Amino acid sequence: MEPKENTDMQTVRVAGRKPNWKIPLIFLILVVGALTASANEPDYRSYFTYPDSQIAIDWGDGHSKATPFKNHSVPKAASEIPSFLGGAGEDRSGRSAEVHWRFVQKTDSGDLYLISIYRNSKLLKEVPILYIGSTIVGYDRDGIKVTIEPVRGTG
């Protein structure tokens, strides 16, 4: 006798095993969680005239890059504006160098940044930079170079 083909839409149990409903449930929870998290994430790009930019800092043999809109502090209240800031530096042979950058504000002309240069924990210089969407070297002295540039592939 040949096995009968199951043509109806009933669930077929294999050797008394129950269908495993946990895997689809876990998958559903993960998908809904991811969609909810991304829906609740504010669009930090909207704070910038040119959000597809990066800040490159070179000093001695060190190098650092940061995407400003990704470097933010989350505001405590919905009415607060997040802070966008970062930095890099080194302490070698007793001569430390640090570069801090801070996004100040979006303007009609571009994005205004403030670059702070420190040597041995003392403020050496503060340089405002207006980024207008193309590569600009904002500071290039004392072995430190700060460049704001478009992220490759975006401009």
C-alpha atoms as a PDB file:
ATOM      1  CA  MET A   1       0.000   0.000   0.000  1.00  0.00           C
ATOM      2  CA  GLU A   2       1.421   3.363  -1.021  1.00  0.00           C
ATOM      3  CA  PRO A   3       1.380   6.336   1.359  1.00  0.00           C
ATOM      4  CA  LYS A   4      -1.564   8.631   0.925  1.00  0.00           C
ATOM      5  CA  GLU A   5      -0.716  12.187  -0.126  1.00  0.00           C
ATOM      6  CA  ASN A   6      -1.906  14.865   2.277  1.00  0.00           C
ATOM      7  CA  THR A   7      -3.937  17.262   0.139  1.00  0.00           C
ATOM      8  CA  ASP A   8      -5.779  19.134   2.859  1.00  0.00           C
ATOM      9  CA  MET A   9      -4.333  22.086   4.744  1.00  0.00           C
ATOM     10  CA  GLN A  10      -3.988  20.373   8.117  1.00  0.00           C
ATOM     11  CA  THR A  11      -0.740  20.405  10.078  1.00  0.00           C
ATOM     12  CA  VAL A  12       1.095  17.120   9.806  1.00  0.00           C
ATOM     13  CA  ARG A  13       2.847  15.955  12.968  1.00  0.00           C
ATOM     14  CA  VAL A  14       6.065  14.055  12.645  1.00  0.00           C
ATOM     15  CA  ALA A  15       6.406  11.156  15.077  1.00  0.00           C
ATOM     16  CA  GLY A  16       4.352  12.875  17.759  1.00  0.00           C
ATOM     17  CA  ARG A  17       6.333  16.160  17.720  1.00  0.00           C
ATOM     18  CA  LYS A  18       4.391  19.330  18.306  1.00  0.00           C
ATOM     19  CA  PRO A  19       5.017  22.292  15.985  1.00  0.00           C
ATOM     20  CA  ASN A  20       7.629  24.676  17.430  1.00  0.00           C
ATOM     21  CA  TRP A  21       5.911  28.042  17.796  1.00  0.00           C
ATOM     22  CA  LYS A  22       8.740  29.628  19.814  1.00  0.00           C
ATOM     23  CA  ILE A  23      11.032  30.369  16.864  1.00  0.00           C
ATOM     24  CA  PRO A  24       8.476  32.391  14.852  1.00  0.00           C
ATOM     25  CA  LEU A  25       7.408  34.205  18.040  1.00  0.00           C
ATOM     26  CA  ILE A  26      10.992  35.204  18.888  1.00  0.00           C
ATOM     27  CA  PHE A  27      11.551  36.346  15.294  1.00  0.00           C
ATOM     28  CA  LEU A  28       8.374  38.451  15.419  1.00  0.00           C
ATOM     29  CA  ILE A  29       9.438  40.071  18.704  1.00  0.00           C
ATOM     30  CA  LEU A  30      12.868  40.936  17.280  1.00  0.00           C
ATOM     31  CA  VAL A  31      11.416  42.445  14.097  1.00  0.00           C
ATOM     32  CA  VAL A  32       8.814  44.520  15.955  1.00  0.00           C
ATOM     33  CA  GLY A  33      11.468  45.668  18.464  1.00  0.00           C
ATOM     34  CA  ALA A  34      13.849  46.763  15.710  1.00  0.00           C
ATOM     35  CA  LEU A  35      11.104  48.640  13.848  1.00  0.00           C
ATOM     36  CA  THR A  36       9.955  50.362  17.038  1.00  0.00           C
ATOM     37  CA  ALA A  37      13.501  51.362  18.012  1.00  0.00           C
ATOM     38  CA  SER A  38      14.249  52.872  14.592  1.00  0.00           C
ATOM     39  CA  ALA A  39      10.880  54.647  14.538  1.00  0.00           C
ATOM     40  CA  ASN A  40      11.629  56.233  17.941  1.00  0.00           C
ATOM     41  CA  GLU A  41      15.175  57.319  16.973  1.00  0.00           C
ATOM     42  CA  PRO A  42      15.172  61.035  16.134  1.00  0.00           C
ATOM     43  CA  ASP A  43      16.594  62.184  12.834  1.00  0.00           C
ATOM     44  CA  TYR A  44      19.804  63.823  14.047  1.00  0.00           C
ATOM     45  CA  ARG A  45      20.761  64.571  10.435  1.00  0.00           C
ATOM     46  CA  SER A  46      18.142  67.323  10.369  1.00  0.00           C
ATOM     47  CA  TYR A  47      20.244  69.482  12.716  1.00  0.00           C
ATOM     48  CA  PHE A  48      22.892  69.893   9.990  1.00  0.00           C
ATOM     49  CA  THR A  49      23.004  71.725   6.665  1.00  0.00           C
ATOM     50  CA  TYR A  50      25.524  69.107   5.491  1.00  0.00           C
ATOM     51  CA  PRO A  51      24.998  65.934   7.551  1.00  0.00           C
ATOM     52  CA  ASP A  52      27.158  63.763   5.268  1.00  0.00           C
ATOM     53  CA  SER A  53      30.419  65.220   6.549  1.00  0.00           C
ATOM     54  CA  GLN A  54      33.281  63.911   8.599  1.00  0.00           C
ATOM     55  CA  ILE A  55      35.943  65.527  10.725  1.00  0.00           C
ATOM     56  CA  ALA A  56      39.469  64.193  10.197  1.00  0.00           C
ATOM     57  CA  ILE A  57      42.128  64.916  12.809  1.00  0.00           C
ATOM     58  CA  ASP A  58      45.798  64.170  12.139  1.00  0.00           C
ATOM     59  CA  TRP A  59      48.566  64.612  14.704  1.00  0.00           C
ATOM     60  CA  GLY A  60      52.039  63.102  14.626  1.00  0.00           C
ATOM     61  CA  ASP A  61      51.454  59.515  13.599  1.00  0.00           C
ATOM     62  CA  GLY A  62      47.831  59.496  14.812  1.00  0.00           C
ATOM     63  CA  HIS A  63      44.644  59.805  12.790  1.00  0.00           C
ATOM     64  CA  SER A  64      40.983  59.969  13.749  1.00  0.00           C
ATOM     65  CA  LYS A  65      37.735  60.435  11.801  1.00  0.00           C
ATOM     66  CA  ALA A  66      34.257  61.120  13.110  1.00  0.00           C
ATOM     67  CA  THR A  67      30.839  61.675  11.561  1.00  0.00           C
ATOM     68  CA  PRO A  68      29.354  64.597  13.530  1.00  0.00           C
ATOM     69  CA  PHE A  69      25.672  63.622  13.449  1.00  0.00           C
ATOM     70  CA  LYS A  70      26.569  60.188  14.865  1.00  0.00           C
ATOM     71  CA  ASN A  71      28.489  61.697  17.821  1.00  0.00           C
ATOM     72  CA  HIS A  72      25.756  63.142  19.953  1.00  0.00           C
ATOM     73  CA  SER A  73      24.514  63.283  23.485  1.00  0.00           C
ATOM     74  CA  VAL A  74      20.878  62.308  23.831  1.00  0.00           C
ATOM     75  CA  PRO A  75      18.778  65.167  25.248  1.00  0.00           C
ATOM     76  CA  LYS A  76      16.920  64.507  28.494  1.00  0.00           C
ATOM     77  CA  ALA A  77      13.824  66.374  27.357  1.00  0.00           C
ATOM     78  CA  ALA A  78      12.203  66.382  23.928  1.00  0.00           C
ATOM     79  CA  SER A  79      12.555  70.182  23.768  1.00  0.00           C
ATOM     80  CA  GLU A  80      16.355  70.077  24.244  1.00  0.00           C
ATOM     81  CA  ILE A  81      18.822  70.085  21.346  1.00  0.00           C
ATOM     82  CA  PRO A  82      21.436  67.310  21.413  1.00  0.00           C
ATOM     83  CA  SER A  83      25.130  68.152  21.679  1.00  0.00           C
ATOM     84  CA  PHE A  84      27.390  67.016  18.845  1.00  0.00           C
ATOM     85  CA  LEU A  85      31.026  66.842  19.902  1.00  0.00           C
ATOM     86  CA  GLY A  86      34.132  64.732  19.920  1.00  0.00           C
ATOM     87  CA  GLY A  87      37.890  64.821  19.918  1.00  0.00           C
ATOM     88  CA  ALA A  88      41.192  63.029  19.624  1.00  0.00           C
ATOM     89  CA  GLY A  89      44.738  63.406  20.837  1.00  0.00           C
ATOM     90  CA  GLU A  90      47.831  61.843  22.302  1.00  0.00           C
ATOM     91  CA  ASP A  91      50.188  62.101  25.221  1.00  0.00           C
ATOM     92  CA  ARG A  92      53.703  61.244  24.121  1.00  0.00           C
ATOM     93  CA  SER A  93      57.039  62.185  25.724  1.00  0.00           C
ATOM     94  CA  GLY A  94      55.332  64.537  28.135  1.00  0.00           C
ATOM     95  CA  ARG A  95      53.940  66.687  25.316  1.00  0.00           C
ATOM     96  CA  SER A  96      50.246  66.109  24.962  1.00  0.00           C
ATOM     97  CA  ALA A  97      48.091  67.393  22.129  1.00  0.00           C
ATOM     98  CA  GLU A  98      44.318  67.260  22.063  1.00  0.00           C
ATOM     99  CA  VAL A  99      41.788  68.442  19.534  1.00  0.00           C
ATOM    100  CA  HIS A 100      38.164  68.880  20.524  1.00  0.00           C
ATOM    101  CA  TRP A 101      35.433  69.724  18.031  1.00  0.00           C
ATOM    102  CA  ARG A 102      31.896  70.866  18.688  1.00  0.00           C
ATOM    103  CA  PHE A 103      29.049  71.475  16.283  1.00  0.00           C
ATOM    104  CA  VAL A 104      27.737  74.941  17.130  1.00  0.00           C
ATOM    105  CA  GLN A 105      24.763  75.375  14.805  1.00  0.00           C
ATOM    106  CA  LYS A 106      23.240  74.972  11.383  1.00  0.00           C
ATOM    107  CA  THR A 107      23.133  78.217   9.364  1.00  0.00           C
ATOM    108  CA  ASP A 108      21.795  79.238   5.962  1.00  0.00           C
ATOM    109  CA  SER A 109      25.398  79.246   4.693  1.00  0.00           C
ATOM    110  CA  GLY A 110      26.529  75.951   6.216  1.00  0.00           C
ATOM    111  CA  ASP A 111      27.434  74.255   9.488  1.00  0.00           C
ATOM    112  CA  LEU A 112      29.411  76.118  12.135  1.00  0.00           C
ATOM    113  CA  TYR A 113      31.970  74.165  14.175  1.00  0.00           C
ATOM    114  CA  LEU A 114      34.351  75.219  16.921  1.00  0.00           C
ATOM    115  CA  ILE A 115      37.731  73.482  17.004  1.00  0.00           C
ATOM    116  CA  SER A 116      39.715  73.702  20.271  1.00  0.00           C
ATOM    117  CA  ILE A 117      43.421  72.856  20.308  1.00  0.00           C
ATOM    118  CA  TYR A 118      45.059  71.928  23.623  1.00  0.00           C
ATOM    119  CA  ARG A 119      48.728  71.399  24.501  1.00  0.00           C
ATOM    120  CA  ASN A 120      49.587  69.937  27.912  1.00  0.00           C
ATOM    121  CA  SER A 121      45.950  70.387  29.026  1.00  0.00           C
ATOM    122  CA  LYS A 122      46.019  74.125  28.272  1.00  0.00           C
ATOM    123  CA  LEU A 123      43.867  75.741  25.613  1.00  0.00           C
ATOM    124  CA  LEU A 124      46.185  76.874  22.824  1.00  0.00           C
ATOM    125  CA  LYS A 125      43.703  78.072  20.207  1.00  0.00           C
ATOM    126  CA  GLU A 126      40.022  78.022  19.282  1.00  0.00           C
ATOM    127  CA  VAL A 127      39.119  78.121  15.602  1.00  0.00           C
ATOM    128  CA  PRO A 128      35.581  78.583  14.208  1.00  0.00           C
ATOM    129  CA  ILE A 129      34.984  76.763  10.923  1.00  0.00           C
ATOM    130  CA  LEU A 130      32.037  77.260   8.580  1.00  0.00           C
ATOM    131  CA  TYR A 131      31.634  74.047   6.603  1.00  0.00           C
ATOM    132  CA  ILE A 132      29.904  74.664   3.243  1.00  0.00           C
ATOM    133  CA  GLY A 133      29.869  71.125   1.868  1.00  0.00           C
ATOM    134  CA  SER A 134      33.362  70.870   0.377  1.00  0.00           C
ATOM    135  CA  THR A 135      36.683  69.930   1.957  1.00  0.00           C
ATOM    136  CA  ILE A 136      38.134  72.605   4.212  1.00  0.00           C
ATOM    137  CA  VAL A 137      41.285  72.519   6.310  1.00  0.00           C
ATOM    138  CA  GLY A 138      40.381  74.400   9.460  1.00  0.00           C
ATOM    139  CA  TYR A 139      43.702  74.105  11.269  1.00  0.00           C
ATOM    140  CA  ASP A 140      47.157  73.003  10.104  1.00  0.00           C
ATOM    141  CA  ARG A 141      49.896  74.016  12.546  1.00  0.00           C
ATOM    142  CA  ASP A 142      52.152  72.526  15.212  1.00  0.00           C
ATOM    143  CA  GLY A 143      51.840  69.020  13.758  1.00  0.00           C
ATOM    144  CA  ILE A 144      48.036  69.042  14.039  1.00  0.00           C
ATOM    145  CA  LYS A 145      45.684  69.122  11.067  1.00  0.00           C
ATOM    146  CA  VAL A 146      41.884  69.318  11.261  1.00  0.00           C
ATOM    147  CA  THR A 147      39.861  68.821   8.083  1.00  0.00           C
ATOM    148  CA  ILE A 148      36.113  68.754   7.557  1.00  0.00           C
ATOM    149  CA  GLU A 149      35.186  66.911   4.389  1.00  0.00           C
ATOM    150  CA  PRO A 150      32.278  65.175   2.660  1.00  0.00           C
ATOM    151  CA  VAL A 151      31.898  61.498   3.453  1.00  0.00           C
ATOM    152  CA  ARG A 152      33.144  59.633   0.383  1.00  0.00           C
ATOM    153  CA  GLY A 153      30.442  58.773  -2.076  1.00  0.00           C
ATOM    154  CA  THR A 154      28.095  61.557  -0.931  1.00  0.00           C
ATOM    155  CA  GLY A 155      29.448  64.745  -2.399  1.00  0.00           C
END
